[in-house]
């Protein structure tokens, strides 16, 4: 693991780099041990979880139609 070991610090999240990517499975492992999922959820190395924070589906449909 690297020095980006403060998973709760959102500012450090952008500094962590990708160690392994599995787009076919929908996840990416970062150097700080966090797993970031395509649905915007996260599982941090300390066991904490960030639930998916997607927008409402009706907004997505409007954005696609535009």
N, C-alpha and C. Protein backbone atom coordinates (compact mmCIF):
# COMPACT_ATOMS: atom_id res chain seq x y z
N UNK A 1 0.84 -1.19 0.00
CA UNK A 1 0.00 0.00 0.00
C UNK A 1 0.88 1.24 0.00
N UNK A 2 0.27 2.34 -0.37
CA UNK A 2 1.01 3.59 -0.48
C UNK A 2 0.70 4.49 0.72
N UNK A 3 1.13 5.71 0.64
CA UNK A 3 0.94 6.65 1.76
C UNK A 3 -0.44 7.28 1.77
N UNK A 4 -1.32 6.97 0.85
CA UNK A 4 -2.67 7.53 0.82
C UNK A 4 -3.60 6.70 1.68
N UNK A 5 -3.29 6.54 2.96
CA UNK A 5 -4.04 5.64 3.80
C UNK A 5 -5.08 6.33 4.67
N UNK A 6 -5.62 7.44 4.25
CA UNK A 6 -6.68 8.09 5.02
C UNK A 6 -7.97 8.04 4.20
N UNK A 7 -8.63 6.86 4.19
CA UNK A 7 -9.78 6.68 3.31
C UNK A 7 -10.92 7.64 3.57
N UNK A 8 -11.03 8.16 4.79
CA UNK A 8 -12.13 9.08 5.07
C UNK A 8 -11.83 10.49 4.57
N UNK A 9 -10.59 10.75 4.22
CA UNK A 9 -10.22 12.08 3.73
C UNK A 9 -10.48 12.14 2.23
N UNK A 10 -11.54 12.78 1.85
CA UNK A 10 -11.94 12.85 0.46
C UNK A 10 -10.87 13.49 -0.40
N UNK A 11 -10.13 14.42 0.16
CA UNK A 11 -9.09 15.11 -0.61
C UNK A 11 -8.01 14.14 -1.07
N UNK A 12 -7.69 13.14 -0.24
CA UNK A 12 -6.65 12.18 -0.60
C UNK A 12 -7.13 11.16 -1.62
N UNK A 13 -8.43 11.01 -1.77
CA UNK A 13 -8.97 10.00 -2.68
C UNK A 13 -8.46 10.22 -4.10
N UNK A 14 -8.35 11.45 -4.53
CA UNK A 14 -7.89 11.75 -5.88
C UNK A 14 -6.41 11.45 -6.08
N UNK A 15 -5.63 11.34 -5.01
CA UNK A 15 -4.20 11.09 -5.11
C UNK A 15 -3.88 9.61 -5.28
N UNK A 16 -4.76 8.75 -4.82
CA UNK A 16 -4.51 7.31 -4.91
C UNK A 16 -4.59 6.88 -6.38
N UNK A 17 -3.70 5.99 -6.76
CA UNK A 17 -3.69 5.52 -8.14
C UNK A 17 -4.24 4.10 -8.24
N UNK A 18 -4.59 3.71 -9.43
CA UNK A 18 -5.19 2.39 -9.67
C UNK A 18 -4.11 1.32 -9.65
N UNK A 19 -4.37 0.28 -8.86
CA UNK A 19 -3.47 -0.87 -8.78
C UNK A 19 -4.00 -2.00 -9.67
N UNK A 20 -5.31 -2.21 -9.62
CA UNK A 20 -5.94 -3.25 -10.44
C UNK A 20 -7.32 -2.75 -10.85
N UNK A 21 -7.68 -2.99 -12.09
CA UNK A 21 -8.99 -2.59 -12.58
C UNK A 21 -9.68 -3.81 -13.18
N UNK A 22 -10.92 -4.00 -12.83
CA UNK A 22 -11.73 -5.08 -13.37
C UNK A 22 -13.04 -4.50 -13.87
N UNK A 23 -13.01 -3.77 -14.99
CA UNK A 23 -14.23 -3.12 -15.48
C UNK A 23 -15.33 -4.11 -15.82
N UNK A 24 -14.96 -5.32 -16.23
CA UNK A 24 -15.98 -6.32 -16.53
C UNK A 24 -16.73 -6.77 -15.28
N UNK A 25 -16.10 -6.57 -14.11
CA UNK A 25 -16.74 -6.91 -12.84
C UNK A 25 -17.25 -5.66 -12.12
N UNK A 26 -16.87 -4.48 -12.59
CA UNK A 26 -17.39 -3.24 -12.04
C UNK A 26 -16.65 -2.69 -10.83
N UNK A 27 -15.36 -2.99 -10.68
CA UNK A 27 -14.62 -2.44 -9.55
C UNK A 27 -13.18 -2.12 -9.93
N UNK A 28 -12.57 -1.25 -9.07
CA UNK A 28 -11.18 -0.85 -9.23
C UNK A 28 -10.53 -0.82 -7.86
N UNK A 29 -9.34 -1.39 -7.75
CA UNK A 29 -8.56 -1.37 -6.51
C UNK A 29 -7.58 -0.22 -6.57
N UNK A 30 -7.58 0.61 -5.54
CA UNK A 30 -6.65 1.74 -5.47
C UNK A 30 -5.46 1.40 -4.59
N UNK A 31 -4.39 2.16 -4.71
CA UNK A 31 -3.16 1.88 -3.97
C UNK A 31 -3.31 2.01 -2.46
N UNK A 32 -4.35 2.70 -2.00
CA UNK A 32 -4.57 2.83 -0.56
C UNK A 32 -5.42 1.70 0.01
N UNK A 33 -5.71 0.70 -0.83
CA UNK A 33 -6.47 -0.45 -0.38
C UNK A 33 -7.97 -0.31 -0.56
N UNK A 34 -8.44 0.82 -1.03
CA UNK A 34 -9.87 1.04 -1.24
C UNK A 34 -10.31 0.37 -2.54
N UNK A 35 -11.54 -0.12 -2.55
CA UNK A 35 -12.15 -0.65 -3.76
C UNK A 35 -13.27 0.31 -4.14
N UNK A 36 -13.22 0.80 -5.36
CA UNK A 36 -14.21 1.74 -5.86
C UNK A 36 -15.05 1.00 -6.90
N UNK A 37 -16.37 1.06 -6.71
CA UNK A 37 -17.27 0.34 -7.60
C UNK A 37 -17.86 1.27 -8.65
N UNK A 38 -18.22 0.71 -9.80
CA UNK A 38 -18.78 1.50 -10.89
C UNK A 38 -20.09 2.18 -10.51
N UNK A 39 -20.80 1.65 -9.51
CA UNK A 39 -22.06 2.27 -9.10
C UNK A 39 -21.83 3.43 -8.13
N UNK A 40 -20.61 3.88 -7.99
CA UNK A 40 -20.13 5.00 -7.15
C UNK A 40 -20.00 4.65 -5.68
N UNK A 41 -20.16 3.41 -5.30
CA UNK A 41 -19.92 2.98 -3.93
C UNK A 41 -18.44 2.72 -3.72
N UNK A 42 -18.03 2.69 -2.44
CA UNK A 42 -16.62 2.43 -2.10
C UNK A 42 -16.53 1.55 -0.87
N UNK A 43 -15.51 0.71 -0.83
CA UNK A 43 -15.18 -0.09 0.34
C UNK A 43 -13.75 0.26 0.69
N UNK A 44 -13.55 0.83 1.88
CA UNK A 44 -12.22 1.30 2.27
C UNK A 44 -11.46 0.22 3.01
N UNK A 45 -10.14 0.35 3.07
CA UNK A 45 -9.27 -0.63 3.70
C UNK A 45 -9.58 -0.81 5.18
N UNK A 46 -10.10 0.22 5.83
CA UNK A 46 -10.42 0.11 7.26
C UNK A 46 -11.79 -0.53 7.49
N UNK A 47 -12.47 -0.94 6.42
CA UNK A 47 -13.77 -1.58 6.54
C UNK A 47 -14.95 -0.64 6.42
N UNK A 48 -14.69 0.65 6.36
CA UNK A 48 -15.79 1.61 6.22
C UNK A 48 -16.34 1.55 4.79
N UNK A 49 -17.60 1.90 4.67
CA UNK A 49 -18.29 1.80 3.39
C UNK A 49 -18.88 3.14 3.01
N UNK A 50 -18.79 3.49 1.74
CA UNK A 50 -19.48 4.66 1.19
C UNK A 50 -20.54 4.09 0.25
N UNK A 51 -21.82 4.26 0.60
CA UNK A 51 -22.86 3.70 -0.27
C UNK A 51 -22.90 4.42 -1.61
N UNK A 52 -23.47 3.78 -2.62
CA UNK A 52 -23.59 4.43 -3.92
C UNK A 52 -24.33 5.75 -3.79
N UNK A 53 -23.88 6.75 -4.52
CA UNK A 53 -24.51 8.06 -4.45
C UNK A 53 -24.90 8.52 -5.85
N UNK A 54 -25.67 7.67 -6.50
CA UNK A 54 -26.15 7.97 -7.84
C UNK A 54 -27.32 8.93 -7.78
N UNK A 55 -27.51 9.66 -8.84
CA UNK A 55 -28.64 10.57 -8.95
C UNK A 55 -29.92 9.79 -9.25
N UNK A 56 -31.06 10.45 -9.12
CA UNK A 56 -32.33 9.79 -9.44
C UNK A 56 -32.37 9.34 -10.91
N UNK A 57 -33.03 8.23 -11.16
CA UNK A 57 -33.09 7.66 -12.51
C UNK A 57 -33.76 8.61 -13.50
N UNK A 58 -34.72 9.41 -13.04
CA UNK A 58 -35.40 10.30 -13.97
C UNK A 58 -34.44 11.38 -14.50
N UNK A 59 -33.49 11.80 -13.71
CA UNK A 59 -32.48 12.76 -14.18
C UNK A 59 -31.56 12.13 -15.21
N UNK A 60 -31.23 10.87 -15.03
CA UNK A 60 -30.39 10.17 -15.98
C UNK A 60 -31.08 10.08 -17.33
N UNK A 61 -32.35 9.77 -17.34
CA UNK A 61 -33.10 9.64 -18.58
C UNK A 61 -33.14 10.97 -19.33
N UNK A 62 -33.26 12.07 -18.61
CA UNK A 62 -33.29 13.40 -19.24
C UNK A 62 -31.92 13.70 -19.84
N UNK A 63 -30.86 13.36 -19.12
CA UNK A 63 -29.50 13.62 -19.61
C UNK A 63 -29.19 12.81 -20.86
N UNK A 64 -29.67 11.59 -20.91
CA UNK A 64 -29.42 10.75 -22.08
C UNK A 64 -30.20 11.25 -23.29
N UNK A 65 -31.42 11.73 -23.06
CA UNK A 65 -32.26 12.20 -24.15
C UNK A 65 -31.74 13.51 -24.74
N UNK A 66 -30.99 14.27 -23.97
CA UNK A 66 -30.52 15.59 -24.43
C UNK A 66 -29.42 15.52 -25.44
